[in-house]
Amino acid sequence: MLVLSRRKSEQIRIGDEILIKVIDVKGGTVRIGIDAPPEIPIIRSELLPEMVPGRAPTARPTGEAQPAAGETPTADAAVSQQN
């Protein structure tokens, strides 16, 4: 496991397609934004036991607003995409 320290507004890039940005740090809570292609599933680990075995997760629920091309989603949008 790679462990990194980041401050507010700093970023981590994974490969060419995934960007993780620290949006805010308050007390013991860190808000992050994740920019990744829609075909890459992003799932909070506490939701994994609820998933059906053998069924691939979807990257984003259908019907949710997606940012326009070239537009970065806000932290709230990134979090809501995973709910």
PDB file of N, CA and C in Angstrom:
ATOM      1  N   MET A   1       0.842  -1.175   0.000  1.00  0.00           N
ATOM      2  CA  MET A   1       0.000   0.000   0.000  1.00  0.00           C
ATOM      3  C   MET A   1       0.887   1.238   0.000  1.00  0.00           C
ATOM      4  N   LEU A   2       0.587   2.139  -0.887  1.00  0.00           N
ATOM      5  CA  LEU A   2       1.272   3.422  -0.942  1.00  0.00           C
ATOM      6  C   LEU A   2       0.497   4.397  -0.062  1.00  0.00           C
ATOM      7  N   VAL A   3       1.184   5.078   0.850  1.00  0.00           N
ATOM      8  CA  VAL A   3       0.552   6.053   1.741  1.00  0.00           C
ATOM      9  C   VAL A   3       1.126   7.423   1.418  1.00  0.00           C
ATOM     10  N   LEU A   4       0.235   8.370   1.112  1.00  0.00           N
ATOM     11  CA  LEU A   4       0.655   9.719   0.749  1.00  0.00           C
ATOM     12  C   LEU A   4      -0.017  10.737   1.656  1.00  0.00           C
ATOM     13  N   SER A   5       0.654  11.833   1.897  1.00  0.00           N
ATOM     14  CA  SER A   5       0.048  12.967   2.595  1.00  0.00           C
ATOM     15  C   SER A   5      -0.284  14.019   1.555  1.00  0.00           C
ATOM     16  N   ARG A   6      -1.473  14.574   1.639  1.00  0.00           N
ATOM     17  CA  ARG A   6      -1.902  15.611   0.723  1.00  0.00           C
ATOM     18  C   ARG A   6      -2.591  16.700   1.533  1.00  0.00           C
ATOM     19  N   ARG A   7      -2.502  17.931   1.066  1.00  0.00           N
ATOM     20  CA  ARG A   7      -3.200  19.061   1.671  1.00  0.00           C
ATOM     21  C   ARG A   7      -4.369  19.448   0.777  1.00  0.00           C
ATOM     22  N   LYS A   8      -5.220  20.322   1.290  1.00  0.00           N
ATOM     23  CA  LYS A   8      -6.366  20.801   0.534  1.00  0.00           C
ATOM     24  C   LYS A   8      -5.910  21.294  -0.842  1.00  0.00           C
ATOM     25  N   SER A   9      -6.640  20.938  -1.861  1.00  0.00           N
ATOM     26  CA  SER A   9      -6.422  21.282  -3.266  1.00  0.00           C
ATOM     27  C   SER A   9      -5.290  20.500  -3.932  1.00  0.00           C
ATOM     28  N   GLU A  10      -4.584  19.656  -3.204  1.00  0.00           N
ATOM     29  CA  GLU A  10      -3.549  18.841  -3.841  1.00  0.00           C
ATOM     30  C   GLU A  10      -4.189  17.616  -4.482  1.00  0.00           C
ATOM     31  N   GLN A  11      -3.510  17.044  -5.458  1.00  0.00           N
ATOM     32  CA  GLN A  11      -4.081  15.969  -6.261  1.00  0.00           C
ATOM     33  C   GLN A  11      -3.156  14.763  -6.325  1.00  0.00           C
ATOM     34  N   ILE A  12      -3.754  13.648  -6.667  1.00  0.00           N
ATOM     35  CA  ILE A  12      -3.033  12.406  -6.940  1.00  0.00           C
ATOM     36  C   ILE A  12      -3.577  11.874  -8.253  1.00  0.00           C
ATOM     37  N   ARG A  13      -2.713  11.508  -9.162  1.00  0.00           N
ATOM     38  CA  ARG A  13      -3.139  10.946 -10.444  1.00  0.00           C
ATOM     39  C   ARG A  13      -2.788   9.461 -10.451  1.00  0.00           C
ATOM     40  N   ILE A  14      -3.745   8.655 -10.878  1.00  0.00           N
ATOM     41  CA  ILE A  14      -3.537   7.215 -11.025  1.00  0.00           C
ATOM     42  C   ILE A  14      -3.647   6.918 -12.514  1.00  0.00           C
ATOM     43  N   GLY A  15      -2.552   6.536 -13.101  1.00  0.00           N
ATOM     44  CA  GLY A  15      -2.531   6.300 -14.547  1.00  0.00           C
ATOM     45  C   GLY A  15      -2.857   7.584 -15.288  1.00  0.00           C
ATOM     46  N   ASP A  16      -3.401   7.433 -16.480  1.00  0.00           N
ATOM     47  CA  ASP A  16      -3.750   8.594 -17.298  1.00  0.00           C
ATOM     48  C   ASP A  16      -5.197   9.038 -17.113  1.00  0.00           C
ATOM     49  N   GLU A  17      -6.021   8.203 -16.459  1.00  0.00           N
ATOM     50  CA  GLU A  17      -7.453   8.455 -16.469  1.00  0.00           C
ATOM     51  C   GLU A  17      -8.076   8.808 -15.125  1.00  0.00           C
ATOM     52  N   ILE A  18      -7.385   8.621 -14.016  1.00  0.00           N
ATOM     53  CA  ILE A  18      -7.999   8.831 -12.705  1.00  0.00           C
ATOM     54  C   ILE A  18      -7.275   9.947 -11.962  1.00  0.00           C
ATOM     55  N   LEU A  19      -8.060  10.904 -11.481  1.00  0.00           N
ATOM     56  CA  LEU A  19      -7.522  12.023 -10.724  1.00  0.00           C
ATOM     57  C   LEU A  19      -8.270  12.102  -9.397  1.00  0.00           C
ATOM     58  N   ILE A  20      -7.532  12.123  -8.305  1.00  0.00           N
ATOM     59  CA  ILE A  20      -8.105  12.250  -6.973  1.00  0.00           C
ATOM     60  C   ILE A  20      -7.633  13.575  -6.407  1.00  0.00           C
ATOM     61  N   LYS A  21      -8.598  14.392  -5.941  1.00  0.00           N
ATOM     62  CA  LYS A  21      -8.266  15.709  -5.428  1.00  0.00           C
ATOM     63  C   LYS A  21      -8.825  15.866  -4.019  1.00  0.00           C
ATOM     64  N   VAL A  22      -8.003  16.403  -3.104  1.00  0.00           N
ATOM     65  CA  VAL A  22      -8.467  16.702  -1.756  1.00  0.00           C
ATOM     66  C   VAL A  22      -9.271  17.993  -1.844  1.00  0.00           C
ATOM     67  N   ILE A  23     -10.556  17.905  -1.547  1.00  0.00           N
ATOM     68  CA  ILE A  23     -11.457  19.050  -1.641  1.00  0.00           C
ATOM     69  C   ILE A  23     -11.439  19.862  -0.353  1.00  0.00           C
ATOM     70  N   ASP A  24     -11.506  19.172   0.792  1.00  0.00           N
ATOM     71  CA  ASP A  24     -11.571  19.879   2.068  1.00  0.00           C
ATOM     72  C   ASP A  24     -11.120  18.948   3.182  1.00  0.00           C
ATOM     73  N   VAL A  25     -10.594  19.541   4.233  1.00  0.00           N
ATOM     74  CA  VAL A  25     -10.204  18.801   5.423  1.00  0.00           C
ATOM     75  C   VAL A  25     -10.796  19.541   6.615  1.00  0.00           C
ATOM     76  N   LYS A  26     -11.661  18.866   7.373  1.00  0.00           N
ATOM     77  CA  LYS A  26     -12.269  19.455   8.568  1.00  0.00           C
ATOM     78  C   LYS A  26     -12.200  18.431   9.684  1.00  0.00           C
ATOM     79  N   GLY A  27     -11.440  18.754  10.723  1.00  0.00           N
ATOM     80  CA  GLY A  27     -11.317  17.809  11.829  1.00  0.00           C
ATOM     81  C   GLY A  27     -10.758  16.491  11.339  1.00  0.00           C
ATOM     82  N   GLY A  28     -11.487  15.418  11.606  1.00  0.00           N
ATOM     83  CA  GLY A  28     -11.045  14.091  11.184  1.00  0.00           C
ATOM     84  C   GLY A  28     -11.660  13.648   9.876  1.00  0.00           C
ATOM     85  N   THR A  29     -12.257  14.573   9.123  1.00  0.00           N
ATOM     86  CA  THR A  29     -12.918  14.220   7.871  1.00  0.00           C
ATOM     87  C   THR A  29     -12.200  14.848   6.681  1.00  0.00           C
ATOM     88  N   VAL A  30     -11.965  14.037   5.676  1.00  0.00           N
ATOM     89  CA  VAL A  30     -11.351  14.509   4.438  1.00  0.00           C
ATOM     90  C   VAL A  30     -12.360  14.298   3.319  1.00  0.00           C
ATOM     91  N   ARG A  31     -12.665  15.354   2.565  1.00  0.00           N
ATOM     92  CA  ARG A  31     -13.548  15.244   1.401  1.00  0.00           C
ATOM     93  C   ARG A  31     -12.668  15.170   0.170  1.00  0.00           C
ATOM     94  N   ILE A  32     -12.936  14.171  -0.659  1.00  0.00           N
ATOM     95  CA  ILE A  32     -12.159  14.010  -1.879  1.00  0.00           C
ATOM     96  C   ILE A  32     -13.080  14.011  -3.084  1.00  0.00           C
ATOM     97  N   GLY A  33     -12.537  14.422  -4.208  1.00  0.00           N
ATOM     98  CA  GLY A  33     -13.230  14.330  -5.481  1.00  0.00           C
ATOM     99  C   GLY A  33     -12.475  13.353  -6.357  1.00  0.00           C
ATOM    100  N   ILE A  34     -13.194  12.523  -7.078  1.00  0.00           N
ATOM    101  CA  ILE A  34     -12.578  11.530  -7.950  1.00  0.00           C
ATOM    102  C   ILE A  34     -13.085  11.755  -9.366  1.00  0.00           C
ATOM    103  N   ASP A  35     -12.178  11.976 -10.275  1.00  0.00           N
ATOM    104  CA  ASP A  35     -12.519  12.139 -11.681  1.00  0.00           C
ATOM    105  C   ASP A  35     -12.002  10.905 -12.415  1.00  0.00           C
ATOM    106  N   ALA A  36     -12.935  10.102 -12.921  1.00  0.00           N
ATOM    107  CA  ALA A  36     -12.570   8.861 -13.606  1.00  0.00           C
ATOM    108  C   ALA A  36     -13.567   8.608 -14.727  1.00  0.00           C
ATOM    109  N   PRO A  37     -13.169   7.824 -15.711  1.00  0.00           N
ATOM    110  CA  PRO A  37     -14.102   7.480 -16.791  1.00  0.00           C
ATOM    111  C   PRO A  37     -15.314   6.742 -16.225  1.00  0.00           C
ATOM    112  N   PRO A  38     -16.475   6.897 -16.849  1.00  0.00           N
ATOM    113  CA  PRO A  38     -17.696   6.267 -16.337  1.00  0.00           C
ATOM    114  C   PRO A  38     -17.636   4.744 -16.281  1.00  0.00           C
ATOM    115  N   GLU A  39     -16.789   4.127 -17.083  1.00  0.00           N
ATOM    116  CA  GLU A  39     -16.723   2.659 -17.066  1.00  0.00           C
ATOM    117  C   GLU A  39     -15.913   2.108 -15.887  1.00  0.00           C
ATOM    118  N   ILE A  40     -15.269   2.965 -15.123  1.00  0.00           N
ATOM    119  CA  ILE A  40     -14.512   2.525 -13.953  1.00  0.00           C
ATOM    120  C   ILE A  40     -15.394   2.661 -12.722  1.00  0.00           C
ATOM    121  N   PRO A  41     -15.738   1.531 -12.075  1.00  0.00           N
ATOM    122  CA  PRO A  41     -16.598   1.607 -10.896  1.00  0.00           C
ATOM    123  C   PRO A  41     -15.855   2.241  -9.715  1.00  0.00           C
ATOM    124  N   ILE A  42     -16.550   3.121  -9.006  1.00  0.00           N
ATOM    125  CA  ILE A  42     -16.012   3.745  -7.798  1.00  0.00           C
ATOM    126  C   ILE A  42     -17.032   3.456  -6.701  1.00  0.00           C
ATOM    127  N   ILE A  43     -16.650   2.638  -5.733  1.00  0.00           N
ATOM    128  CA  ILE A  43     -17.592   2.182  -4.721  1.00  0.00           C
ATOM    129  C   ILE A  43     -16.986   2.362  -3.335  1.00  0.00           C
ATOM    130  N   ARG A  44     -17.754   2.981  -2.444  1.00  0.00           N
ATOM    131  CA  ARG A  44     -17.298   3.103  -1.054  1.00  0.00           C
ATOM    132  C   ARG A  44     -17.250   1.709  -0.449  1.00  0.00           C
ATOM    133  N   SER A  45     -16.208   1.415   0.305  1.00  0.00           N
ATOM    134  CA  SER A  45     -16.017   0.060   0.828  1.00  0.00           C
ATOM    135  C   SER A  45     -17.138  -0.380   1.757  1.00  0.00           C
ATOM    136  N   GLU A  46     -17.782   0.552   2.468  1.00  0.00           N
ATOM    137  CA  GLU A  46     -18.857   0.144   3.374  1.00  0.00           C
ATOM    138  C   GLU A  46     -20.094  -0.340   2.616  1.00  0.00           C
ATOM    139  N   LEU A  47     -20.168  -0.100   1.319  1.00  0.00           N
ATOM    140  CA  LEU A  47     -21.289  -0.585   0.517  1.00  0.00           C
ATOM    141  C   LEU A  47     -21.028  -1.953  -0.092  1.00  0.00           C
ATOM    142  N   LEU A  48     -19.815  -2.431  -0.056  1.00  0.00           N
ATOM    143  CA  LEU A  48     -19.480  -3.704  -0.697  1.00  0.00           C
ATOM    144  C   LEU A  48     -20.262  -4.896  -0.164  1.00  0.00           C
ATOM    145  N   PRO A  49     -20.500  -5.045   1.149  1.00  0.00           N
ATOM    146  CA  PRO A  49     -21.271  -6.217   1.606  1.00  0.00           C
ATOM    147  C   PRO A  49     -22.700  -6.246   1.070  1.00  0.00           C
ATOM    148  N   GLU A  50     -23.237  -5.100   0.684  1.00  0.00           N
ATOM    149  CA  GLU A  50     -24.600  -5.033   0.166  1.00  0.00           C
ATOM    150  C   GLU A  50     -24.690  -5.447  -1.303  1.00  0.00           C
ATOM    151  N   MET A  51     -23.564  -5.549  -1.963  1.00  0.00           N
ATOM    152  CA  MET A  51     -23.571  -5.870  -3.386  1.00  0.00           C
ATOM    153  C   MET A  51     -23.923  -7.336  -3.595  1.00  0.00           C
ATOM    154  N   VAL A  52     -24.551  -7.625  -4.709  1.00  0.00           N
ATOM    155  CA  VAL A  52     -24.920  -8.994  -5.056  1.00  0.00           C
ATOM    156  C   VAL A  52     -23.692  -9.704  -5.603  1.00  0.00           C
ATOM    157  N   PRO A  53     -23.324 -10.868  -5.043  1.00  0.00           N
ATOM    158  CA  PRO A  53     -22.157 -11.595  -5.554  1.00  0.00           C
ATOM    159  C   PRO A  53     -22.311 -11.925  -7.032  1.00  0.00           C
ATOM    160  N   GLY A  54     -21.238 -11.743  -7.780  1.00  0.00           N
ATOM    161  CA  GLY A  54     -21.238 -12.066  -9.195  1.00  0.00           C
ATOM    162  C   GLY A  54     -21.809 -10.986 -10.092  1.00  0.00           C
ATOM    163  N   ARG A  55     -22.313  -9.912  -9.509  1.00  0.00           N
ATOM    164  CA  ARG A  55     -22.868  -8.818 -10.313  1.00  0.00           C
ATOM    165  C   ARG A  55     -21.897  -7.654 -10.308  1.00  0.00           C
ATOM    166  N   ALA A  56     -21.513  -7.217 -11.473  1.00  0.00           N
ATOM    167  CA  ALA A  56     -20.569  -6.107 -11.578  1.00  0.00           C
ATOM    168  C   ALA A  56     -21.261  -4.806 -11.176  1.00  0.00           C
ATOM    169  N   PRO A  57     -20.597  -3.985 -10.361  1.00  0.00           N
ATOM    170  CA  PRO A  57     -21.195  -2.702  -9.982  1.00  0.00           C
ATOM    171  C   PRO A  57     -21.210  -1.744 -11.154  1.00  0.00           C
ATOM    172  N   THR A  58     -22.124  -0.795 -11.122  1.00  0.00           N
ATOM    173  CA  THR A  58     -22.148   0.241 -12.143  1.00  0.00           C
ATOM    174  C   THR A  58     -21.334   1.412 -11.650  1.00  0.00           C
ATOM    175  N   ALA A  59     -20.697   2.115 -12.557  1.00  0.00           N
ATOM    176  CA  ALA A  59     -19.850   3.240 -12.173  1.00  0.00           C
ATOM    177  C   ALA A  59     -20.671   4.376 -11.592  1.00  0.00           C
ATOM    178  N   ARG A  60     -21.813   4.673 -12.181  1.00  0.00           N
ATOM    179  CA  ARG A  60     -22.665   5.772 -11.730  1.00  0.00           C
ATOM    180  C   ARG A  60     -24.116   5.387 -11.967  1.00  0.00           C
ATOM    181  N   PRO A  61     -24.981   5.676 -11.033  1.00  0.00           N
ATOM    182  CA  PRO A  61     -26.396   5.359 -11.244  1.00  0.00           C
ATOM    183  C   PRO A  61     -26.939   6.091 -12.471  1.00  0.00           C
ATOM    184  N   THR A  62     -27.829   5.429 -13.198  1.00  0.00           N
ATOM    185  CA  THR A  62     -28.427   6.074 -14.367  1.00  0.00           C
ATOM    186  C   THR A  62     -29.389   7.152 -13.911  1.00  0.00           C
ATOM    187  N   GLY A  63     -29.557   8.152 -14.733  1.00  0.00           N
ATOM    188  CA  GLY A  63     -30.470   9.233 -14.405  1.00  0.00           C
ATOM    189  C   GLY A  63     -29.821  10.378 -13.648  1.00  0.00           C
ATOM    190  N   GLU A  64     -28.585  10.212 -13.204  1.00  0.00           N
ATOM    191  CA  GLU A  64     -27.895  11.283 -12.492  1.00  0.00           C
ATOM    192  C   GLU A  64     -27.253  12.217 -13.501  1.00  0.00           C
ATOM    193  N   ALA A  65     -27.230  13.477 -13.177  1.00  0.00           N
ATOM    194  CA  ALA A  65     -26.609  14.470 -14.058  1.00  0.00           C
ATOM    195  C   ALA A  65     -25.114  14.226 -14.139  1.00  0.00           C
ATOM    196  N   GLN A  66     -24.585  14.287 -15.328  1.00  0.00           N
ATOM    197  CA  GLN A  66     -23.152  14.130 -15.551  1.00  0.00           C
ATOM    198  C   GLN A  66     -22.582  15.471 -15.979  1.00  0.00           C
ATOM    199  N   PRO A  67     -21.332  15.765 -15.599  1.00  0.00           N
ATOM    200  CA  PRO A  67     -20.748  17.035 -16.023  1.00  0.00           C
ATOM    201  C   PRO A  67     -20.548  17.067 -17.531  1.00  0.00           C
ATOM    202  N   ALA A  68     -20.594  18.265 -18.086  1.00  0.00           N
ATOM    203  CA  ALA A  68     -20.357  18.440 -19.522  1.00  0.00           C
ATOM    204  C   ALA A  68     -18.919  18.081 -19.851  1.00  0.00           C
ATOM    205  N   ALA A  69     -18.643  17.799 -21.100  1.00  0.00           N
ATOM    206  CA  ALA A  69     -17.291  17.452 -21.527  1.00  0.00           C
ATOM    207  C   ALA A  69     -16.316  18.536 -21.098  1.00  0.00           C
ATOM    208  N   GLY A  70     -15.227  18.128 -20.473  1.00  0.00           N
ATOM    209  CA  GLY A  70     -14.206  19.071 -20.032  1.00  0.00           C
ATOM    210  C   GLY A  70     -14.509  19.718 -18.697  1.00  0.00           C
ATOM    211  N   GLU A  71     -15.681  19.457 -18.124  1.00  0.00           N
ATOM    212  CA  GLU A  71     -16.061  20.043 -16.846  1.00  0.00           C
ATOM    213  C   GLU A  71     -15.773  19.049 -15.731  1.00  0.00           C
ATOM    214  N   THR A  72     -15.197  19.527 -14.638  1.00  0.00           N
ATOM    215  CA  THR A  72     -14.885  18.677 -13.498  1.00  0.00           C
ATOM    216  C   THR A  72     -16.055  18.705 -12.532  1.00  0.00           C
ATOM    217  N   PRO A  73     -16.534  17.532 -12.079  1.00  0.00           N
ATOM    218  CA  PRO A  73     -17.656  17.527 -11.144  1.00  0.00           C
ATOM    219  C   PRO A  73     -17.229  18.106  -9.799  1.00  0.00           C
ATOM    220  N   THR A  74     -18.171  18.685  -9.092  1.00  0.00           N
ATOM    221  CA  THR A  74     -17.883  19.211  -7.759  1.00  0.00           C
ATOM    222  C   THR A  74     -17.749  18.055  -6.793  1.00  0.00           C
ATOM    223  N   ALA A  75     -17.234  18.339  -5.604  1.00  0.00           N
ATOM    224  CA  ALA A  75     -17.082  17.295  -4.584  1.00  0.00           C
ATOM    225  C   ALA A  75     -18.442  16.704  -4.229  1.00  0.00           C
ATOM    226  N   ASP A  76     -19.471  17.570  -4.086  1.00  0.00           N
ATOM    227  CA  ASP A  76     -20.790  17.077  -3.760  1.00  0.00           C
ATOM    228  C   ASP A  76     -21.333  16.167  -4.858  1.00  0.00           C
ATOM    229  N   ALA A  77     -21.082  16.530  -6.105  1.00  0.00           N
ATOM    230  CA  ALA A  77     -21.528  15.697  -7.218  1.00  0.00           C
ATOM    231  C   ALA A  77     -20.796  14.374  -7.207  1.00  0.00           C
ATOM    232  N   ALA A  78     -19.507  14.392  -6.907  1.00  0.00           N
ATOM    233  CA  ALA A  78     -18.732  13.153  -6.869  1.00  0.00           C
ATOM    234  C   ALA A  78     -19.249  12.244  -5.771  1.00  0.00           C
ATOM    235  N   VAL A  79     -19.583  12.806  -4.624  1.00  0.00           N
ATOM    236  CA  VAL A  79     -20.099  12.002  -3.524  1.00  0.00           C
ATOM    237  C   VAL A  79     -21.488  11.502  -3.867  1.00  0.00           C
ATOM    238  N   SER A  80     -22.350  12.350  -4.441  1.00  0.00           N
ATOM    239  CA  SER A  80     -23.707  11.931  -4.748  1.00  0.00           C
ATOM    240  C   SER A  80     -23.734  10.846  -5.815  1.00  0.00           C
ATOM    241  N   GLN A  81     -22.732  10.807  -6.679  1.00  0.00           N
ATOM    242  CA  GLN A  81     -22.687   9.773  -7.704  1.00  0.00           C
ATOM    243  C   GLN A  81     -22.502   8.401  -7.084  1.00  0.00           C
ATOM    244  N   GLN A  82     -21.982   8.350  -5.883  1.00  0.00           N
ATOM    245  CA  GLN A  82     -21.709   7.071  -5.249  1.00  0.00           C
ATOM    246  C   GLN A  82     -22.808   6.643  -4.299  1.00  0.00           C
ATOM    247  N   ASN A  83     -23.826   7.453  -4.092  1.00  0.00           N
ATOM    248  CA  ASN A  83     -24.923   7.113  -3.167  1.00  0.00           C
ATOM    249  C   ASN A  83     -25.996   6.318  -3.833  1.00  0.00           C
TER     250      ASN A  83
END
